[in-house]
PDB file of N, CA and C in Angstrom:
ATOM      1  N   MET A   1      46.157 121.217  68.948  1.00  0.00           N
ATOM      2  CA  MET A   1      47.196 121.625  69.904  1.00  0.00           C
ATOM      3  C   MET A   1      47.491 123.086  69.649  1.00  0.00           C
ATOM      4  N   ARG A   2      47.490 123.839  70.732  1.00  0.00           N
ATOM      5  CA  ARG A   2      47.710 125.285  70.647  1.00  0.00           C
ATOM      6  C   ARG A   2      49.119 125.645  71.148  1.00  0.00           C
ATOM      7  N   VAL A   3      49.848 126.406  70.396  1.00  0.00           N
ATOM      8  CA  VAL A   3      51.151 126.878  70.864  1.00  0.00           C
ATOM      9  C   VAL A   3      50.912 128.023  71.836  1.00  0.00           C
ATOM     10  N   VAL A   4      51.457 127.841  73.055  1.00  0.00           N
ATOM     11  CA  VAL A   4      51.304 128.839  74.083  1.00  0.00           C
ATOM     12  C   VAL A   4      52.448 129.830  74.007  1.00  0.00           C
ATOM     13  N   ALA A   5      53.676 129.275  73.826  1.00  0.00           N
ATOM     14  CA  ALA A   5      54.867 130.124  73.828  1.00  0.00           C
ATOM     15  C   ALA A   5      56.035 129.418  73.214  1.00  0.00           C
ATOM     16  N   ASP A   6      56.868 130.192  72.523  1.00  0.00           N
ATOM     17  CA  ASP A   6      58.194 129.775  72.120  1.00  0.00           C
ATOM     18  C   ASP A   6      59.130 130.396  73.186  1.00  0.00           C
ATOM     19  N   ILE A   7      59.881 129.562  73.864  1.00  0.00           N
ATOM     20  CA  ILE A   7      60.687 130.020  75.011  1.00  0.00           C
ATOM     21  C   ILE A   7      62.145 130.053  74.580  1.00  0.00           C
ATOM     22  N   PRO A   8      62.729 131.230  74.577  1.00  0.00           N
ATOM     23  CA  PRO A   8      64.095 131.355  74.145  1.00  0.00           C
ATOM     24  C   PRO A   8      65.066 130.623  75.080  1.00  0.00           C
ATOM     25  N   ASN A   9      65.998 129.907  74.456  1.00  0.00           N
ATOM     26  CA  ASN A   9      67.069 129.233  75.159  1.00  0.00           C
ATOM     27  C   ASN A   9      68.259 129.061  74.225  1.00  0.00           C
ATOM     28  N   PRO A  10      69.487 129.295  74.692  1.00  0.00           N
ATOM     29  CA  PRO A  10      70.608 129.192  73.769  1.00  0.00           C
ATOM     30  C   PRO A  10      71.000 127.750  73.442  1.00  0.00           C
ATOM     31  N   HIS A  11      70.494 126.768  74.197  1.00  0.00           N
ATOM     32  CA  HIS A  11      70.938 125.358  74.015  1.00  0.00           C
ATOM     33  C   HIS A  11      69.959 124.519  73.224  1.00  0.00           C
ATOM     34  N   VAL A  12      68.642 124.767  73.440  1.00  0.00           N
ATOM     35  CA  VAL A  12      67.628 123.958  72.807  1.00  0.00           C
ATOM     36  C   VAL A  12      66.450 124.866  72.394  1.00  0.00           C
ATOM     37  N   LYS A  13      65.668 124.354  71.427  1.00  0.00           N
ATOM     38  CA  LYS A  13      64.454 125.043  71.057  1.00  0.00           C
ATOM     39  C   LYS A  13      63.336 124.520  71.980  1.00  0.00           C
ATOM     40  N   ILE A  14      62.619 125.438  72.575  1.00  0.00           N
ATOM     41  CA  ILE A  14      61.584 125.037  73.575  1.00  0.00           C
ATOM     42  C   ILE A  14      60.249 125.654  73.088  1.00  0.00           C
ATOM     43  N   THR A  15      59.260 124.796  72.995  1.00  0.00           N
ATOM     44  CA  THR A  15      57.893 125.232  72.671  1.00  0.00           C
ATOM     45  C   THR A  15      56.954 124.685  73.713  1.00  0.00           C
ATOM     46  N   LEU A  16      56.093 125.566  74.251  1.00  0.00           N
ATOM     47  CA  LEU A  16      55.079 125.158  75.203  1.00  0.00           C
ATOM     48  C   LEU A  16      53.748 125.121  74.466  1.00  0.00           C
ATOM     49  N   HIS A  17      53.076 123.959  74.530  1.00  0.00           N
ATOM     50  CA  HIS A  17      51.787 123.785  73.884  1.00  0.00           C
ATOM     51  C   HIS A  17      50.745 123.518  74.968  1.00  0.00           C
ATOM     52  N   SER A  18      49.492 123.647  74.609  1.00  0.00           N
ATOM     53  CA  SER A  18      48.363 123.323  75.453  1.00  0.00           C
ATOM     54  C   SER A  18      47.478 122.376  74.680  1.00  0.00           C
ATOM     55  N   TYR A  19      47.052 121.267  75.306  1.00  0.00           N
ATOM     56  CA  TYR A  19      46.238 120.307  74.566  1.00  0.00           C
ATOM     57  C   TYR A  19      45.586 119.390  75.581  1.00  0.00           C
ATOM     58  N   ASN A  20      44.262 119.235  75.484  1.00  0.00           N
ATOM     59  CA  ASN A  20      43.507 118.250  76.342  1.00  0.00           C
ATOM     60  C   ASN A  20      43.817 118.407  77.831  1.00  0.00           C
ATOM     61  N   ASN A  21      43.776 119.633  78.328  1.00  0.00           N
ATOM     62  CA  ASN A  21      43.999 119.858  79.732  1.00  0.00           C
ATOM     63  C   ASN A  21      45.429 119.526  80.215  1.00  0.00           C
ATOM     64  N   LYS A  22      46.358 119.581  79.246  1.00  0.00           N
ATOM     65  CA  LYS A  22      47.773 119.290  79.575  1.00  0.00           C
ATOM     66  C   LYS A  22      48.612 120.382  78.918  1.00  0.00           C
ATOM     67  N   TYR A  23      49.720 120.675  79.595  1.00  0.00           N
ATOM     68  CA  TYR A  23      50.765 121.457  78.938  1.00  0.00           C
ATOM     69  C   TYR A  23      51.763 120.453  78.372  1.00  0.00           C
ATOM     70  N   ILE A  24      52.231 120.722  77.199  1.00  0.00           N
ATOM     71  CA  ILE A  24      53.224 119.882  76.549  1.00  0.00           C
ATOM     72  C   ILE A  24      54.491 120.700  76.289  1.00  0.00           C
ATOM     73  N   LEU A  25      55.551 120.314  76.958  1.00  0.00           N
ATOM     74  CA  LEU A  25      56.833 120.998  76.727  1.00  0.00           C
ATOM     75  C   LEU A  25      57.563 120.176  75.698  1.00  0.00           C
ATOM     76  N   LYS A  26      57.899 120.776  74.583  1.00  0.00           N
ATOM     77  CA  LYS A  26      58.624 120.152  73.530  1.00  0.00           C
ATOM     78  C   LYS A  26      59.995 120.820  73.415  1.00  0.00           C
ATOM     79  N   LEU A  27      61.011 120.021  73.598  1.00  0.00           N
ATOM     80  CA  LEU A  27      62.400 120.518  73.551  1.00  0.00           C
ATOM     81  C   LEU A  27      63.095 119.825  72.371  1.00  0.00           C
ATOM     82  N   GLU A  28      63.758 120.616  71.514  1.00  0.00           N
ATOM     83  CA  GLU A  28      64.370 120.062  70.304  1.00  0.00           C
ATOM     84  C   GLU A  28      65.804 120.515  70.230  1.00  0.00           C
ATOM     85  N   LYS A  29      66.626 119.596  69.698  1.00  0.00           N
ATOM     86  CA  LYS A  29      68.026 119.897  69.406  1.00  0.00           C
ATOM     87  C   LYS A  29      68.380 119.044  68.190  1.00  0.00           C
ATOM     88  N   ALA A  30      68.793 119.707  67.111  1.00  0.00           N
ATOM     89  CA  ALA A  30      69.113 119.031  65.860  1.00  0.00           C
ATOM     90  C   ALA A  30      67.930 118.145  65.450  1.00  0.00           C
ATOM     91  N   ASN A  31      68.153 116.860  65.221  1.00  0.00           N
ATOM     92  CA  ASN A  31      67.061 115.987  64.770  1.00  0.00           C
ATOM     93  C   ASN A  31      66.449 115.155  65.924  1.00  0.00           C
ATOM     94  N   LEU A  32      66.647 115.621  67.152  1.00  0.00           N
ATOM     95  CA  LEU A  32      66.138 114.915  68.331  1.00  0.00           C
ATOM     96  C   LEU A  32      65.114 115.799  69.060  1.00  0.00           C
ATOM     97  N   GLU A  33      64.223 115.161  69.764  1.00  0.00           N
ATOM     98  CA  GLU A  33      63.268 115.928  70.607  1.00  0.00           C
ATOM     99  C   GLU A  33      62.895 115.139  71.878  1.00  0.00           C
ATOM    100  N   GLN A  34      62.528 115.916  72.869  1.00  0.00           N
ATOM    101  CA  GLN A  34      62.025 115.369  74.119  1.00  0.00           C
ATOM    102  C   GLN A  34      60.694 116.064  74.414  1.00  0.00           C
ATOM    103  N   ILE A  35      59.726 115.298  74.866  1.00  0.00           N
ATOM    104  CA  ILE A  35      58.399 115.844  75.152  1.00  0.00           C
ATOM    105  C   ILE A  35      58.019 115.478  76.579  1.00  0.00           C
ATOM    106  N   TYR A  36      57.549 116.485  77.293  1.00  0.00           N
ATOM    107  CA  TYR A  36      57.054 116.281  78.658  1.00  0.00           C
ATOM    108  C   TYR A  36      55.634 116.754  78.738  1.00  0.00           C
ATOM    109  N   LYS A  37      54.761 115.895  79.235  1.00  0.00           N
ATOM    110  CA  LYS A  37      53.321 116.215  79.389  1.00  0.00           C
ATOM    111  C   LYS A  37      53.054 116.487  80.840  1.00  0.00           C
ATOM    112  N   ILE A  38      52.404 117.648  81.115  1.00  0.00           N
ATOM    113  CA  ILE A  38      52.129 118.075  82.460  1.00  0.00           C
ATOM    114  C   ILE A  38      50.657 118.382  82.574  1.00  0.00           C
ATOM    115  N   GLU A  39      49.996 117.792  83.538  1.00  0.00           N
ATOM    116  CA  GLU A  39      48.610 118.116  83.816  1.00  0.00           C
ATOM    117  C   GLU A  39      48.503 119.581  84.160  1.00  0.00           C
ATOM    118  N   GLU A  40      47.521 120.255  83.613  1.00  0.00           N
ATOM    119  CA  GLU A  40      47.326 121.725  83.929  1.00  0.00           C
ATOM    120  C   GLU A  40      47.124 121.935  85.414  1.00  0.00           C
ATOM    121  N   THR A  41      46.585 120.952  86.108  1.00  0.00           N
ATOM    122  CA  THR A  41      46.341 121.093  87.540  1.00  0.00           C
ATOM    123  C   THR A  41      47.632 121.006  88.362  1.00  0.00           C
ATOM    124  N   GLU A  42      48.738 120.533  87.763  1.00  0.00           N
ATOM    125  CA  GLU A  42      50.001 120.414  88.473  1.00  0.00           C
ATOM    126  C   GLU A  42      50.795 121.735  88.509  1.00  0.00           C
ATOM    127  N   VAL A  43      50.424 122.692  87.714  1.00  0.00           N
ATOM    128  CA  VAL A  43      51.166 123.949  87.675  1.00  0.00           C
ATOM    129  C   VAL A  43      50.173 125.076  87.700  1.00  0.00           C
ATOM    130  N   MET A  44      50.684 126.300  88.009  1.00  0.00           N
ATOM    131  CA  MET A  44      49.831 127.486  88.079  1.00  0.00           C
ATOM    132  C   MET A  44      49.877 128.194  86.738  1.00  0.00           C
ATOM    133  N   GLY A  45      49.139 127.709  85.755  1.00  0.00           N
ATOM    134  CA  GLY A  45      49.027 128.371  84.461  1.00  0.00           C
ATOM    135  C   GLY A  45      50.265 128.304  83.659  1.00  0.00           C
ATOM    136  N   ASP A  46      50.276 129.113  82.555  1.00  0.00           N
ATOM    137  CA  ASP A  46      51.392 129.114  81.619  1.00  0.00           C
ATOM    138  C   ASP A  46      52.697 129.455  82.342  1.00  0.00           C
ATOM    139  N   GLU A  47      52.668 130.419  83.232  1.00  0.00           N
ATOM    140  CA  GLU A  47      53.900 130.817  83.937  1.00  0.00           C
ATOM    141  C   GLU A  47      54.427 129.693  84.829  1.00  0.00           C
ATOM    142  N   GLY A  48      53.537 128.951  85.408  1.00  0.00           N
ATOM    143  CA  GLY A  48      53.941 127.804  86.232  1.00  0.00           C
ATOM    144  C   GLY A  48      54.658 126.724  85.411  1.00  0.00           C
ATOM    145  N   ALA A  49      54.147 126.486  84.215  1.00  0.00           N
ATOM    146  CA  ALA A  49      54.751 125.531  83.311  1.00  0.00           C
ATOM    147  C   ALA A  49      56.171 126.050  82.886  1.00  0.00           C
ATOM    148  N   LYS A  50      56.239 127.332  82.577  1.00  0.00           N
ATOM    149  CA  LYS A  50      57.526 127.882  82.182  1.00  0.00           C
ATOM    150  C   LYS A  50      58.572 127.842  83.329  1.00  0.00           C
ATOM    151  N   ALA A  51      58.079 127.969  84.574  1.00  0.00           N
ATOM    152  CA  ALA A  51      58.954 127.971  85.708  1.00  0.00           C
ATOM    153  C   ALA A  51      59.663 126.660  85.918  1.00  0.00           C
ATOM    154  N   LEU A  52      59.150 125.594  85.323  1.00  0.00           N
ATOM    155  CA  LEU A  52      59.768 124.279  85.437  1.00  0.00           C
ATOM    156  C   LEU A  52      61.114 124.266  84.660  1.00  0.00           C
ATOM    157  N   LEU A  53      61.331 125.185  83.772  1.00  0.00           N
ATOM    158  CA  LEU A  53      62.480 125.214  82.958  1.00  0.00           C
ATOM    159  C   LEU A  53      63.680 125.856  83.642  1.00  0.00           C
ATOM    160  N   ASP A  54      63.997 125.391  84.799  1.00  0.00           N
ATOM    161  CA  ASP A  54      65.127 125.978  85.510  1.00  0.00           C
ATOM    162  C   ASP A  54      66.452 125.470  84.978  1.00  0.00           C
ATOM    163  N   GLU A  55      67.545 126.027  85.447  1.00  0.00           N
ATOM    164  CA  GLU A  55      68.882 125.709  84.945  1.00  0.00           C
ATOM    165  C   GLU A  55      69.215 124.210  85.071  1.00  0.00           C
ATOM    166  N   GLU A  56      68.854 123.635  86.222  1.00  0.00           N
ATOM    167  CA  GLU A  56      69.140 122.223  86.457  1.00  0.00           C
ATOM    168  C   GLU A  56      68.389 121.287  85.500  1.00  0.00           C
ATOM    169  N   PHE A  57      67.139 121.646  85.222  1.00  0.00           N
ATOM    170  CA  PHE A  57      66.341 120.859  84.268  1.00  0.00           C
ATOM    171  C   PHE A  57      66.915 120.962  82.858  1.00  0.00           C
ATOM    172  N   ILE A  58      67.251 122.196  82.435  1.00  0.00           N
ATOM    173  CA  ILE A  58      67.800 122.330  81.087  1.00  0.00           C
ATOM    174  C   ILE A  58      69.121 121.591  80.961  1.00  0.00           C
ATOM    175  N   GLU A  59      69.952 121.617  81.999  1.00  0.00           N
ATOM    176  CA  GLU A  59      71.222 120.889  81.949  1.00  0.00           C
ATOM    177  C   GLU A  59      70.951 119.410  81.792  1.00  0.00           C
ATOM    178  N   ALA A  60      70.007 118.876  82.486  1.00  0.00           N
ATOM    179  CA  ALA A  60      69.647 117.459  82.403  1.00  0.00           C
ATOM    180  C   ALA A  60      69.137 117.121  80.979  1.00  0.00           C
ATOM    181  N   VAL A  61      68.312 118.035  80.423  1.00  0.00           N
ATOM    182  CA  VAL A  61      67.799 117.867  79.061  1.00  0.00           C
ATOM    183  C   VAL A  61      68.945 117.841  78.044  1.00  0.00           C
ATOM    184  N   VAL A  62      69.882 118.745  78.140  1.00  0.00           N
ATOM    185  CA  VAL A  62      71.010 118.827  77.228  1.00  0.00           C
ATOM    186  C   VAL A  62      71.841 117.568  77.327  1.00  0.00           C
ATOM    187  N   ASN A  63      72.086 117.076  78.553  1.00  0.00           N
ATOM    188  CA  ASN A  63      72.840 115.809  78.759  1.00  0.00           C
ATOM    189  C   ASN A  63      72.100 114.647  78.124  1.00  0.00           C
ATOM    190  N   ARG A  64      70.785 114.628  78.305  1.00  0.00           N
ATOM    191  CA  ARG A  64      70.001 113.529  77.701  1.00  0.00           C
ATOM    192  C   ARG A  64      70.068 113.567  76.221  1.00  0.00           C
ATOM    193  N   PHE A  65      70.056 114.787  75.608  1.00  0.00           N
ATOM    194  CA  PHE A  65      70.193 114.886  74.153  1.00  0.00           C
ATOM    195  C   PHE A  65      71.540 114.301  73.731  1.00  0.00           C
ATOM    196  N   GLN A  66      72.577 114.548  74.488  1.00  0.00           N
ATOM    197  CA  GLN A  66      73.903 113.973  74.137  1.00  0.00           C
ATOM    198  C   GLN A  66      73.856 112.451  74.200  1.00  0.00           C
ATOM    199  N   ASP A  67      73.218 111.919  75.244  1.00  0.00           N
ATOM    200  CA  ASP A  67      73.090 110.444  75.367  1.00  0.00           C
ATOM    201  C   ASP A  67      72.291 109.905  74.183  1.00  0.00           C
ATOM    202  N   MET A  68      71.202 110.580  73.828  1.00  0.00           N
ATOM    203  CA  MET A  68      70.389 110.174  72.709  1.00  0.00           C
ATOM    204  C   MET A  68      71.185 110.123  71.412  1.00  0.00           C
ATOM    205  N   ARG A  69      71.954 111.204  71.191  1.00  0.00           N
ATOM    206  CA  ARG A  69      72.760 111.279  70.003  1.00  0.00           C
ATOM    207  C   ARG A  69      73.797 110.168  69.963  1.00  0.00           C
ATOM    208  N   ASP A  70      74.471 109.947  71.088  1.00  0.00           N
ATOM    209  CA  ASP A  70      75.495 108.910  71.168  1.00  0.00           C
ATOM    210  C   ASP A  70      74.862 107.508  70.867  1.00  0.00           C
ATOM    211  N   ALA A  71      73.708 107.248  71.433  1.00  0.00           N
ATOM    212  CA  ALA A  71      73.062 105.958  71.157  1.00  0.00           C
ATOM    213  C   ALA A  71      72.688 105.808  69.722  1.00  0.00           C
ATOM    214  N   PHE A  72      72.211 106.894  69.069  1.00  0.00           N
ATOM    215  CA  PHE A  72      71.831 106.821  67.710  1.00  0.00           C
ATOM    216  C   PHE A  72      73.023 106.618  66.801  1.00  0.00           C
ATOM    217  N   VAL A  73      74.106 107.365  67.020  1.00  0.00           N
ATOM    218  CA  VAL A  73      75.286 107.214  66.234  1.00  0.00           C
ATOM    219  C   VAL A  73      75.872 105.793  66.392  1.00  0.00           C
ATOM    220  N   SER A  74      75.837 105.264  67.583  1.00  0.00           N
ATOM    221  CA  SER A  74      76.316 103.888  67.806  1.00  0.00           C
ATOM    222  C   SER A  74      75.508 102.865  67.019  1.00  0.00           C
ATOM    223  N   THR A  75      74.221 102.995  67.028  1.00  0.00           N
ATOM    224  CA  THR A  75      73.390 102.010  66.311  1.00  0.00           C
ATOM    225  C   THR A  75      73.564 102.147  64.794  1.00  0.00           C
ATOM    226  N   VAL A  76      73.770 103.351  64.322  1.00  0.00           N
ATOM    227  CA  VAL A  76      74.018 103.551  62.885  1.00  0.00           C
ATOM    228  C   VAL A  76      75.287 102.903  62.492  1.00  0.00           C
ATOM    229  N   ARG A  77      76.315 103.055  63.327  1.00  0.00           N
ATOM    230  CA  ARG A  77      77.637 102.465  63.024  1.00  0.00           C
ATOM    231  C   ARG A  77      77.546 100.958  63.068  1.00  0.00           C
ATOM    232  N   ARG A  78      76.846 100.380  63.992  1.00  0.00           N
ATOM    233  CA  ARG A  78      76.709  98.913  64.113  1.00  0.00           C
ATOM    234  C   ARG A  78      75.924  98.333  62.976  1.00  0.00           C
ATOM    235  N   ASN A  79      74.979  99.072  62.444  1.00  0.00           N
ATOM    236  CA  ASN A  79      74.022  98.459  61.492  1.00  0.00           C
ATOM    237  C   ASN A  79      74.098  98.991  60.076  1.00  0.00           C
ATOM    238  N   ASN A  80      75.135  99.731  59.748  1.00  0.00           N
ATOM    239  CA  ASN A  80      75.307 100.150  58.371  1.00  0.00           C
ATOM    240  C   ASN A  80      76.559  99.550  57.769  1.00  0.00           C
TER     241      ASN A  80
END
């Protein structure tokens, strides 16, 4: 897997990878991560993949991270 770019963002760490004719967007916050696989044919090169990272998408990602964290904290509390 080849790192194409580290994309600056104040809310999450974003890394764009290339592997097996796919772009892989890896978004990380604390100990959580989300991965999106995109066929290279679905976007126009590296810049097309980066263009997917609009404000609305990032907001949804950040909200999903909050949901993920809440679910994890809940299960830890129930099971410890």
